Amino acid sequence: MKKRVYGSLLILLLVVLSACSADPESVKEPQIDAESPADQGEAMTKPDDKTTGDKIEDRKAEPLTQQEVLSAIADELQTNVEKILPNHLPLEKGQHLTAKTESRQNEYFIDFYSTKELIPINNEILKEERPDIKKIANLKVKIYSSEKEADETIGFEDYSKVGGQKVDLGFEITGYQDAGVGNLWTSWNEGRWALATHTSIQQPEQGVDLAKQSVKYLEEHTLPIPKMYGAIRLDATGDSHYAFWAKGRVVAEVTEVSSAQNLLETIVSFE
């Protein structure tokens, strides 16, 4: 009987010792994969989802109206000078308006551009020379120490007093021609504005034709009212077109416009 008991105890002891001597690494805890969905939670992006950047890239940029662009340009100007901007600039169909600005306490400058693609205001791309980026006008606005100094900058002339050979420009407006050093000027006044066209003495008819076309256009479109004076110069045989006018001590000047017609269209859009 005792042998049977001792035999049973010996077998039990051997089983216990065998379990204790097993390799601990042979029994492993379940592992959680670092790349598994359980670790990523809601932050995980599904394969068919797009990132925010992709979605923005896919969106079509909505072009702004000229009024919205011009309002944004005005917001870029850090200056004490009155903000004088046109309400419209002539653009070819399919082109977009943008600008490069520079402003100081007493003056500011705006280069207006026509672009094929949408380009933000003051973008670095505007510094590059590219065929799809075309400067269409430059606007400079400056405040002077006095109205007298501002008026002297304009250099207004009453051509009826200056004299010259008279020419009928239509609409009861008389022009006065003056020639010198190969140049021919046809000049006239409309209100407090002094206007003149330039041509060479070899092509006198072009200056008169441009003057007549301008007078006709201004019969249907109104120039801004200067205080006190304004001046416009149009080139019949070149591209030197510019305008400047005073508003008290402030003088606005528009240059670098591609054509006489575009200059007139730009100026009449100022208030």
Protein backbone atom coordinates (compact mmCIF):
# COMPACT_ATOMS: atom_id res chain seq x y z
CA MET A 1 0.00 0.00 0.00
CA LYS A 2 2.81 2.39 0.95
CA LYS A 3 4.65 1.63 -2.29
CA ARG A 4 1.58 2.57 -4.30
CA VAL A 5 1.29 5.95 -2.46
CA TYR A 6 4.99 6.70 -2.86
CA GLY A 7 4.75 5.88 -6.58
CA SER A 8 1.87 8.30 -7.06
CA LEU A 9 3.69 11.11 -5.24
CA LEU A 10 6.81 10.53 -7.34
CA ILE A 11 4.85 10.83 -10.60
CA LEU A 12 3.14 14.07 -9.38
CA LEU A 13 6.51 15.57 -8.39
CA LEU A 14 7.99 14.83 -11.81
CA VAL A 15 5.06 16.55 -13.57
CA VAL A 16 5.48 19.70 -11.42
CA LEU A 17 9.23 19.87 -12.02
CA SER A 18 8.72 19.45 -15.77
CA ALA A 19 6.28 22.41 -15.91
CA CYS A 20 8.58 24.69 -13.93
CA SER A 21 11.57 23.94 -16.18
CA ALA A 22 9.75 24.96 -19.46
CA ASP A 23 11.36 27.79 -21.57
CA PRO A 24 9.62 31.13 -20.59
CA GLU A 25 10.06 32.49 -24.14
CA SER A 26 8.03 29.63 -25.54
CA VAL A 27 4.90 31.28 -24.08
CA LYS A 28 4.45 34.75 -25.58
CA GLU A 29 1.92 37.50 -25.02
CA PRO A 30 -0.19 38.47 -28.06
CA GLN A 31 1.51 41.37 -29.93
CA ILE A 32 -0.23 44.56 -31.19
CA ASP A 33 1.07 45.68 -34.59
CA ALA A 34 2.15 49.38 -34.51
CA GLU A 35 0.70 49.82 -37.99
CA SER A 36 -2.61 48.18 -37.17
CA PRO A 37 -5.88 50.12 -37.23
CA ALA A 38 -6.26 49.63 -33.48
CA ASP A 39 -3.15 51.80 -32.91
CA GLN A 40 -4.16 54.52 -35.43
CA GLY A 41 -7.73 55.01 -34.30
CA GLU A 42 -9.73 57.75 -36.07
CA ALA A 43 -6.57 59.52 -37.30
CA MET A 44 -5.99 56.82 -39.88
CA THR A 45 -6.67 57.88 -43.49
CA LYS A 46 -8.56 55.43 -45.62
CA PRO A 47 -6.87 54.48 -48.89
CA ASP A 48 -9.58 56.15 -50.96
CA ASP A 49 -9.66 59.35 -48.88
CA LYS A 50 -7.89 62.54 -50.03
CA THR A 51 -5.82 64.80 -47.80
CA THR A 52 -6.78 68.45 -47.34
CA GLY A 53 -3.97 69.46 -49.68
CA ASP A 54 -5.28 67.14 -52.39
CA LYS A 55 -8.76 68.55 -52.04
CA ILE A 56 -7.50 72.13 -52.30
CA GLU A 57 -5.44 71.19 -55.34
CA ASP A 58 -8.52 69.67 -56.98
CA ARG A 59 -10.68 72.75 -56.39
CA LYS A 60 -11.06 75.29 -59.16
CA ALA A 61 -9.99 78.78 -58.01
CA GLU A 62 -12.87 81.16 -58.46
CA PRO A 63 -11.76 84.38 -60.20
CA LEU A 64 -12.58 87.61 -58.38
CA THR A 65 -14.32 90.54 -60.00
CA GLN A 66 -12.22 93.60 -60.82
CA GLN A 67 -13.94 95.46 -57.98
CA GLU A 68 -12.94 92.73 -55.51
CA VAL A 69 -9.34 92.75 -56.75
CA LEU A 70 -9.13 96.54 -56.57
CA SER A 71 -10.54 96.50 -53.04
CA ALA A 72 -7.88 93.95 -52.05
CA ILE A 73 -5.18 96.12 -53.64
CA ALA A 74 -6.34 99.10 -51.57
CA ASP A 75 -6.07 96.97 -48.43
CA GLU A 76 -2.41 96.28 -49.24
CA LEU A 77 -1.52 99.99 -49.11
CA GLN A 78 -0.03 101.15 -45.81
CA THR A 79 -0.08 104.92 -46.22
CA ASN A 80 -1.54 108.18 -44.93
CA VAL A 81 -2.42 109.31 -48.46
CA GLU A 82 -5.98 109.10 -49.76
CA LYS A 83 -6.44 105.84 -51.64
CA ILE A 84 -7.31 106.75 -55.22
CA LEU A 85 -7.89 103.76 -57.50
CA PRO A 86 -9.74 103.18 -60.75
CA ASN A 87 -13.00 101.26 -60.74
CA HIS A 88 -12.08 99.43 -63.92
CA LEU A 89 -9.09 98.65 -66.14
CA PRO A 90 -9.38 97.41 -69.73
CA LEU A 91 -8.52 93.71 -69.97
CA GLU A 92 -8.61 91.30 -72.86
CA LYS A 93 -11.14 88.48 -72.65
CA GLY A 94 -9.97 85.62 -70.45
CA GLN A 95 -7.33 87.71 -68.65
CA HIS A 96 -7.15 88.34 -64.91
CA LEU A 97 -6.23 91.47 -62.97
CA THR A 98 -3.56 91.52 -60.28
CA ALA A 99 -0.99 94.02 -59.00
CA LYS A 100 2.29 94.73 -57.27
CA THR A 101 2.21 97.50 -54.65
CA GLU A 102 4.66 99.68 -52.75
CA SER A 103 3.58 102.24 -50.18
CA ARG A 104 5.07 104.84 -47.89
CA GLN A 105 3.66 107.41 -45.52
CA ASN A 106 3.31 110.14 -48.17
CA GLU A 107 3.02 108.16 -51.44
CA TYR A 108 2.27 104.81 -52.99
CA PHE A 109 2.83 102.97 -56.28
CA ILE A 110 0.76 100.29 -57.98
CA ASP A 111 1.77 98.25 -61.02
CA PHE A 112 -1.33 96.67 -62.55
CA TYR A 113 -0.92 93.40 -64.46
CA SER A 114 -2.98 91.35 -66.87
CA THR A 115 -2.32 87.61 -66.43
CA LYS A 116 -3.48 84.41 -68.04
CA GLU A 117 -3.57 82.53 -64.74
CA LEU A 118 -4.81 83.73 -61.35
CA ILE A 119 -1.87 85.28 -59.49
CA PRO A 120 -2.22 86.79 -55.99
CA ILE A 121 -1.40 90.44 -55.36
CA ASN A 122 2.32 91.05 -54.63
CA ASN A 123 3.24 87.48 -55.57
CA GLU A 124 6.93 86.93 -56.34
CA ILE A 125 5.99 85.66 -59.81
CA LEU A 126 5.14 89.24 -60.79
CA LYS A 127 8.83 90.11 -60.62
CA GLU A 128 9.58 87.69 -63.44
CA GLU A 129 9.54 88.59 -67.12
CA ARG A 130 7.01 86.22 -68.66
CA PRO A 131 4.92 86.45 -71.82
CA ASP A 132 1.76 85.58 -69.90
CA ILE A 133 2.25 88.47 -67.44
CA LYS A 134 1.73 91.93 -68.95
CA LYS A 135 1.93 95.27 -67.16
CA ILE A 136 -1.07 97.36 -68.22
CA ALA A 137 -0.68 100.49 -66.10
CA ASN A 138 1.27 102.16 -63.32
CA LEU A 139 -0.40 104.39 -60.74
CA LYS A 140 1.51 106.76 -58.50
CA VAL A 141 -0.22 108.85 -55.85
CA LYS A 142 1.67 111.40 -53.75
CA ILE A 143 0.75 114.11 -51.29
CA TYR A 144 2.55 117.46 -51.52
CA SER A 145 3.14 120.11 -48.88
CA SER A 146 0.63 122.52 -50.45
CA GLU A 147 -2.04 122.74 -53.15
CA LYS A 148 0.14 125.23 -54.98
CA GLU A 149 2.97 122.74 -55.21
CA ALA A 150 0.55 120.07 -56.42
CA ASP A 151 -0.83 122.37 -59.14
CA GLU A 152 2.67 123.28 -60.29
CA THR A 153 3.33 119.58 -60.78
CA ILE A 154 0.41 119.42 -63.21
CA GLY A 155 1.58 122.37 -65.30
CA PHE A 156 -1.92 123.21 -66.55
CA GLU A 157 -2.19 125.39 -69.67
CA ASP A 158 -5.16 127.26 -71.16
CA TYR A 159 -4.49 126.60 -74.83
CA SER A 160 -6.83 129.30 -76.03
CA LYS A 161 -4.39 131.77 -74.46
CA VAL A 162 -1.28 129.93 -75.58
CA GLY A 163 -2.52 130.05 -79.17
CA GLY A 164 -1.42 128.15 -82.27
CA GLN A 165 -3.03 127.07 -85.50
CA LYS A 166 -6.70 126.36 -84.84
CA VAL A 167 -8.26 123.04 -85.79
CA ASP A 168 -11.87 121.92 -85.38
CA LEU A 169 -12.02 118.77 -83.23
CA GLY A 170 -15.81 118.48 -83.33
CA PHE A 171 -18.42 118.91 -80.62
CA GLU A 172 -17.68 122.66 -80.59
CA ILE A 173 -14.15 122.09 -79.30
CA THR A 174 -11.22 123.94 -80.85
CA GLY A 175 -7.75 122.51 -80.85
CA TYR A 176 -4.49 124.41 -81.25
CA GLN A 177 -1.50 123.01 -83.11
CA ASP A 178 2.08 123.80 -82.32
CA ALA A 179 5.14 122.34 -84.07
CA GLY A 180 8.79 122.25 -83.10
CA VAL A 181 11.91 120.09 -83.53
CA GLY A 182 10.12 117.50 -85.65
CA ASN A 183 7.14 117.22 -83.30
CA LEU A 184 3.53 118.33 -83.72
CA TRP A 185 1.16 118.85 -80.82
CA THR A 186 -2.63 119.20 -81.05
CA SER A 187 -3.93 120.58 -77.77
CA TRP A 188 -7.30 121.50 -76.28
CA ASN A 189 -9.10 122.03 -72.97
CA GLU A 190 -12.09 120.27 -71.46
CA GLY A 191 -13.12 121.89 -68.20
CA ARG A 192 -10.08 122.01 -65.92
CA TRP A 193 -8.29 119.38 -68.01
CA ALA A 194 -5.57 120.16 -70.56
CA LEU A 195 -5.23 117.49 -73.25
CA ALA A 196 -2.77 117.07 -76.09
CA THR A 197 -1.84 114.55 -78.75
CA HIS A 198 1.67 114.12 -80.10
CA THR A 199 2.86 113.05 -83.53
CA SER A 200 5.75 113.74 -85.89
CA ILE A 201 5.59 116.53 -88.46
CA GLN A 202 5.83 113.82 -91.14
CA GLN A 203 2.49 112.38 -89.97
CA PRO A 204 0.44 115.43 -88.93
CA GLU A 205 -2.94 113.85 -89.70
CA GLN A 206 -2.44 111.12 -87.08
CA GLY A 207 -2.29 113.65 -84.26
CA VAL A 208 -5.50 115.36 -85.41
CA ASP A 209 -7.30 112.05 -85.89
CA LEU A 210 -6.37 110.89 -82.39
CA ALA A 211 -7.50 114.23 -80.94
CA LYS A 212 -10.88 113.94 -82.68
CA GLN A 213 -11.33 110.34 -81.53
CA SER A 214 -10.52 111.36 -77.95
CA VAL A 215 -12.94 114.30 -78.01
CA LYS A 216 -15.70 112.00 -79.29
CA TYR A 217 -14.99 109.41 -76.59
CA LEU A 218 -15.04 112.05 -73.84
CA GLU A 219 -18.41 113.31 -75.05
CA GLU A 220 -19.81 109.99 -73.85
CA HIS A 221 -17.51 109.38 -70.87
CA THR A 222 -16.67 111.77 -68.05
CA LEU A 223 -13.21 112.55 -66.73
CA PRO A 224 -12.83 112.80 -62.94
CA ILE A 225 -13.15 116.33 -61.61
CA PRO A 226 -9.69 117.57 -60.59
CA LYS A 227 -8.98 120.12 -57.90
CA MET A 228 -7.69 122.17 -59.38
CA TYR A 229 -6.28 120.82 -62.64
CA GLY A 230 -5.44 117.74 -64.69
CA ALA A 231 -3.46 116.95 -67.83
CA ILE A 232 -3.48 114.12 -70.40
CA ARG A 233 -0.88 113.36 -73.08
CA LEU A 234 -1.60 110.89 -75.89
CA ASP A 235 0.96 109.67 -78.41
CA ALA A 236 -0.32 109.03 -81.96
CA THR A 237 2.90 107.39 -83.19
CA GLY A 238 4.30 105.86 -80.00
CA ASP A 239 3.34 104.52 -76.58
CA SER A 240 4.07 107.51 -74.33
CA HIS A 241 0.60 108.00 -72.86
CA TYR A 242 0.09 109.47 -69.40
CA ALA A 243 -2.30 111.47 -67.23
CA PHE A 244 -2.01 113.28 -63.93
CA TRP A 245 -4.40 115.36 -61.89
CA ALA A 246 -4.65 117.01 -58.49
CA LYS A 247 -7.09 116.53 -55.65
CA GLY A 248 -6.05 119.25 -53.27
CA ARG A 249 -2.51 118.41 -52.15
CA VAL A 250 -2.69 114.90 -53.63
CA VAL A 251 -1.56 114.21 -57.20
CA ALA A 252 -2.43 110.99 -59.04
CA GLU A 253 -0.40 109.93 -62.09
CA VAL A 254 -1.11 107.08 -64.53
CA THR A 255 1.62 105.92 -66.91
CA GLU A 256 2.85 102.82 -68.80
CA VAL A 257 -0.46 102.23 -70.56
CA SER A 258 -0.31 100.40 -73.89
CA SER A 259 -2.61 102.65 -75.93
CA ALA A 260 -4.30 106.05 -75.91
CA GLN A 261 -7.71 104.41 -75.78
CA ASN A 262 -6.76 102.25 -72.79
CA LEU A 263 -5.48 105.32 -70.96
CA LEU A 264 -8.75 107.18 -71.50
CA GLU A 265 -10.78 104.15 -70.44
CA THR A 266 -8.71 103.88 -67.28
CA ILE A 267 -8.89 107.58 -66.35
CA VAL A 268 -12.67 107.91 -66.77
CA SER A 269 -13.14 105.03 -64.32
CA PHE A 270 -11.65 107.12 -61.48
CA GLU A 271 -14.12 109.02 -59.33
